[in-house]
Amino acid sequence: MASTQVETVSTGADKARLVVAGLLVIGALAAFYLLSGQGAVAQWGGLVAGLALAVITFFTSESGKRLIAFGRDSWREVQKVVWPTRKETLQTTAFVFAFAVLMALFLWLTDKTLEWALYDLVLGWRR
């Protein structure tokens, strides 16, 4: 039996926050282009301020809170990872390279054997 995951229903206020965040992003981009005659400081200031307000507005919504919770959970999982030592990493890398070289030699020998068998023995084409 498959387990079902229950999603929370977004409220009207939550949807409004997301719409406001989107409008703030559009406003920030518009400010960047409309303030081009006012100088670089005003232009970039309008862009950064609008994007900062959009990010703050997004993180107050339910989606933003879930994103923050996901980030915290992911960071906890990354901290649980046991990373290999330098010696283990070098040994594994050497094993992979050695295997690749052996496999290349095997495939080359197989190719040359089949070439010899087909062209020289079966077809009788001498080079």
C-alpha atoms as a PDB file:
ATOM      1  CA  MET A   1       0.000   0.000   0.000  1.00  0.00           C
ATOM      2  CA  ALA A   2       1.488   3.321  -1.028  1.00  0.00           C
ATOM      3  CA  SER A   3       1.754   6.070   1.532  1.00  0.00           C
ATOM      4  CA  THR A   4       0.288   9.407   0.620  1.00  0.00           C
ATOM      5  CA  GLN A   5       1.808  12.710   1.548  1.00  0.00           C
ATOM      6  CA  VAL A   6      -0.522  15.440   2.704  1.00  0.00           C
ATOM      7  CA  GLU A   7       0.220  18.891   1.327  1.00  0.00           C
ATOM      8  CA  THR A   8      -0.871  21.963   3.201  1.00  0.00           C
ATOM      9  CA  VAL A   9      -3.382  24.118   1.413  1.00  0.00           C
ATOM     10  CA  SER A  10      -2.146  27.624   0.729  1.00  0.00           C
ATOM     11  CA  THR A  11      -4.229  30.366   2.243  1.00  0.00           C
ATOM     12  CA  GLY A  12      -5.242  33.497   0.423  1.00  0.00           C
ATOM     13  CA  ALA A  13      -2.738  35.538   2.442  1.00  0.00           C
ATOM     14  CA  ASP A  14       0.032  33.111   1.513  1.00  0.00           C
ATOM     15  CA  LYS A  15      -0.820  33.364  -2.169  1.00  0.00           C
ATOM     16  CA  ALA A  16      -0.894  37.149  -1.832  1.00  0.00           C
ATOM     17  CA  ARG A  17       2.629  37.089  -0.345  1.00  0.00           C
ATOM     18  CA  LEU A  18       3.872  35.088  -3.322  1.00  0.00           C
ATOM     19  CA  VAL A  19       2.208  37.481  -5.765  1.00  0.00           C
ATOM     20  CA  VAL A  20       3.719  40.464  -3.933  1.00  0.00           C
ATOM     21  CA  ALA A  21       7.162  38.799  -4.042  1.00  0.00           C
ATOM     22  CA  GLY A  22       6.787  38.296  -7.788  1.00  0.00           C
ATOM     23  CA  LEU A  23       5.678  41.885  -8.287  1.00  0.00           C
ATOM     24  CA  LEU A  24       8.653  43.085  -6.236  1.00  0.00           C
ATOM     25  CA  VAL A  25      11.010  41.160  -8.531  1.00  0.00           C
ATOM     26  CA  ILE A  26       9.365  42.737 -11.577  1.00  0.00           C
ATOM     27  CA  GLY A  27       9.531  46.144  -9.871  1.00  0.00           C
ATOM     28  CA  ALA A  28      13.208  45.676  -9.072  1.00  0.00           C
ATOM     29  CA  LEU A  29      13.968  44.875 -12.704  1.00  0.00           C
ATOM     30  CA  ALA A  30      11.900  47.842 -13.867  1.00  0.00           C
ATOM     31  CA  ALA A  31      13.715  50.123 -11.404  1.00  0.00           C
ATOM     32  CA  PHE A  32      17.051  48.914 -12.729  1.00  0.00           C
ATOM     33  CA  TYR A  33      16.177  49.936 -16.271  1.00  0.00           C
ATOM     34  CA  LEU A  34      14.185  53.066 -15.434  1.00  0.00           C
ATOM     35  CA  LEU A  35      16.931  54.458 -13.185  1.00  0.00           C
ATOM     36  CA  SER A  36      19.651  54.084 -15.827  1.00  0.00           C
ATOM     37  CA  GLY A  37      19.845  57.870 -16.227  1.00  0.00           C
ATOM     38  CA  GLN A  38      20.246  58.450 -12.474  1.00  0.00           C
ATOM     39  CA  GLY A  39      23.624  56.749 -12.177  1.00  0.00           C
ATOM     40  CA  ALA A  40      24.911  53.299 -11.358  1.00  0.00           C
ATOM     41  CA  VAL A  41      24.438  53.627  -7.582  1.00  0.00           C
ATOM     42  CA  ALA A  42      20.732  54.428  -7.878  1.00  0.00           C
ATOM     43  CA  GLN A  43      20.263  51.823 -10.574  1.00  0.00           C
ATOM     44  CA  TRP A  44      21.891  48.984  -8.656  1.00  0.00           C
ATOM     45  CA  GLY A  45      20.469  50.201  -5.351  1.00  0.00           C
ATOM     46  CA  GLY A  46      16.929  49.953  -6.715  1.00  0.00           C
ATOM     47  CA  LEU A  47      17.598  46.480  -8.049  1.00  0.00           C
ATOM     48  CA  VAL A  48      19.187  45.159  -4.854  1.00  0.00           C
ATOM     49  CA  ALA A  49      16.558  46.760  -2.592  1.00  0.00           C
ATOM     50  CA  GLY A  50      13.676  45.376  -4.651  1.00  0.00           C
ATOM     51  CA  LEU A  51      15.170  41.878  -4.783  1.00  0.00           C
ATOM     52  CA  ALA A  52      15.895  41.946  -1.044  1.00  0.00           C
ATOM     53  CA  LEU A  53      12.289  42.891  -0.296  1.00  0.00           C
ATOM     54  CA  ALA A  54      11.085  40.128  -2.647  1.00  0.00           C
ATOM     55  CA  VAL A  55      13.254  37.536  -0.879  1.00  0.00           C
ATOM     56  CA  ILE A  56      12.064  38.658   2.559  1.00  0.00           C
ATOM     57  CA  THR A  57       8.447  38.543   1.404  1.00  0.00           C
ATOM     58  CA  PHE A  58       8.935  35.070  -0.103  1.00  0.00           C
ATOM     59  CA  PHE A  59      10.513  33.680   3.071  1.00  0.00           C
ATOM     60  CA  THR A  60       7.522  34.829   5.156  1.00  0.00           C
ATOM     61  CA  SER A  61       5.207  32.678   3.013  1.00  0.00           C
ATOM     62  CA  GLU A  62       4.521  28.986   3.656  1.00  0.00           C
ATOM     63  CA  SER A  63       6.600  28.011   0.613  1.00  0.00           C
ATOM     64  CA  GLY A  64       9.523  30.043   1.916  1.00  0.00           C
ATOM     65  CA  LYS A  65       9.262  28.454   5.356  1.00  0.00           C
ATOM     66  CA  ARG A  66       9.247  24.994   3.772  1.00  0.00           C
ATOM     67  CA  LEU A  67      12.312  25.936   1.724  1.00  0.00           C
ATOM     68  CA  ILE A  68      14.146  27.056   4.874  1.00  0.00           C
ATOM     69  CA  ALA A  69      13.164  23.813   6.655  1.00  0.00           C
ATOM     70  CA  PHE A  70      14.385  21.789   3.672  1.00  0.00           C
ATOM     71  CA  GLY A  71      17.700  23.644   3.716  1.00  0.00           C
ATOM     72  CA  ARG A  72      18.160  22.972   7.445  1.00  0.00           C
ATOM     73  CA  ASP A  73      17.344  19.274   7.016  1.00  0.00           C
ATOM     74  CA  SER A  74      19.719  19.012   4.062  1.00  0.00           C
ATOM     75  CA  TRP A  75      22.522  20.642   6.046  1.00  0.00           C
ATOM     76  CA  ARG A  76      21.972  18.177   8.916  1.00  0.00           C
ATOM     77  CA  GLU A  77      22.215  15.271   6.458  1.00  0.00           C
ATOM     78  CA  VAL A  78      25.418  16.638   4.920  1.00  0.00           C
ATOM     79  CA  GLN A  79      26.956  16.832   8.393  1.00  0.00           C
ATOM     80  CA  LYS A  80      26.215  13.120   8.898  1.00  0.00           C
ATOM     81  CA  VAL A  81      28.245  12.113   5.849  1.00  0.00           C
ATOM     82  CA  VAL A  82      31.478  10.271   6.580  1.00  0.00           C
ATOM     83  CA  TRP A  83      33.950  11.559   4.028  1.00  0.00           C
ATOM     84  CA  PRO A  84      36.775   9.270   2.835  1.00  0.00           C
ATOM     85  CA  THR A  85      40.329   9.926   3.892  1.00  0.00           C
ATOM     86  CA  ARG A  86      42.950  11.102   1.405  1.00  0.00           C
ATOM     87  CA  LYS A  87      44.456   7.607   1.308  1.00  0.00           C
ATOM     88  CA  GLU A  88      41.090   5.982   0.562  1.00  0.00           C
ATOM     89  CA  THR A  89      40.382   8.532  -2.158  1.00  0.00           C
ATOM     90  CA  LEU A  90      43.741   7.977  -3.857  1.00  0.00           C
ATOM     91  CA  GLN A  91      43.361   4.187  -3.669  1.00  0.00           C
ATOM     92  CA  THR A  92      39.881   4.296  -5.171  1.00  0.00           C
ATOM     93  CA  THR A  93      41.004   6.648  -7.937  1.00  0.00           C
ATOM     94  CA  ALA A  94      43.984   4.412  -8.750  1.00  0.00           C
ATOM     95  CA  PHE A  95      41.690   1.376  -8.873  1.00  0.00           C
ATOM     96  CA  VAL A  96      39.328   3.143 -11.299  1.00  0.00           C
ATOM     97  CA  PHE A  97      42.193   4.193 -13.599  1.00  0.00           C
ATOM     98  CA  ALA A  98      43.722   0.694 -13.527  1.00  0.00           C
ATOM     99  CA  PHE A  99      40.354  -0.869 -14.331  1.00  0.00           C
ATOM    100  CA  ALA A 100      39.833   1.568 -17.227  1.00  0.00           C
ATOM    101  CA  VAL A 101      43.257   0.727 -18.682  1.00  0.00           C
ATOM    102  CA  LEU A 102      42.663  -3.029 -18.349  1.00  0.00           C
ATOM    103  CA  MET A 103      39.233  -2.731 -19.919  1.00  0.00           C
ATOM    104  CA  ALA A 104      40.667  -0.686 -22.809  1.00  0.00           C
ATOM    105  CA  LEU A 105      43.323  -3.348 -23.423  1.00  0.00           C
ATOM    106  CA  PHE A 106      40.730  -6.122 -23.277  1.00  0.00           C
ATOM    107  CA  LEU A 107      38.459  -4.359 -25.762  1.00  0.00           C
ATOM    108  CA  TRP A 108      41.386  -3.575 -28.085  1.00  0.00           C
ATOM    109  CA  LEU A 109      42.504  -7.235 -28.028  1.00  0.00           C
ATOM    110  CA  THR A 110      38.942  -8.408 -28.639  1.00  0.00           C
ATOM    111  CA  ASP A 111      38.595  -5.989 -31.546  1.00  0.00           C
ATOM    112  CA  LYS A 112      41.879  -7.073 -33.127  1.00  0.00           C
ATOM    113  CA  THR A 113      41.039 -10.763 -32.653  1.00  0.00           C
ATOM    114  CA  LEU A 114      37.642 -10.351 -34.300  1.00  0.00           C
ATOM    115  CA  GLU A 115      39.199  -8.286 -37.087  1.00  0.00           C
ATOM    116  CA  TRP A 116      41.780 -11.009 -37.743  1.00  0.00           C
ATOM    117  CA  ALA A 117      39.175 -13.785 -37.586  1.00  0.00           C
ATOM    118  CA  LEU A 118      36.712 -12.079 -39.926  1.00  0.00           C
ATOM    119  CA  TYR A 119      38.975 -10.422 -42.461  1.00  0.00           C
ATOM    120  CA  ASP A 120      41.836 -12.910 -42.645  1.00  0.00           C
ATOM    121  CA  LEU A 121      40.238 -16.273 -41.883  1.00  0.00           C
ATOM    122  CA  VAL A 122      36.615 -15.924 -43.031  1.00  0.00           C
ATOM    123  CA  LEU A 123      36.851 -13.473 -45.924  1.00  0.00           C
ATOM    124  CA  GLY A 124      40.441 -14.140 -46.880  1.00  0.00           C
ATOM    125  CA  TRP A 125      41.321 -10.437 -47.277  1.00  0.00           C
ATOM    126  CA  ARG A 126      45.017 -10.030 -46.724  1.00  0.00           C
ATOM    127  CA  ARG A 127      46.371  -6.588 -46.070  1.00  0.00           C
END
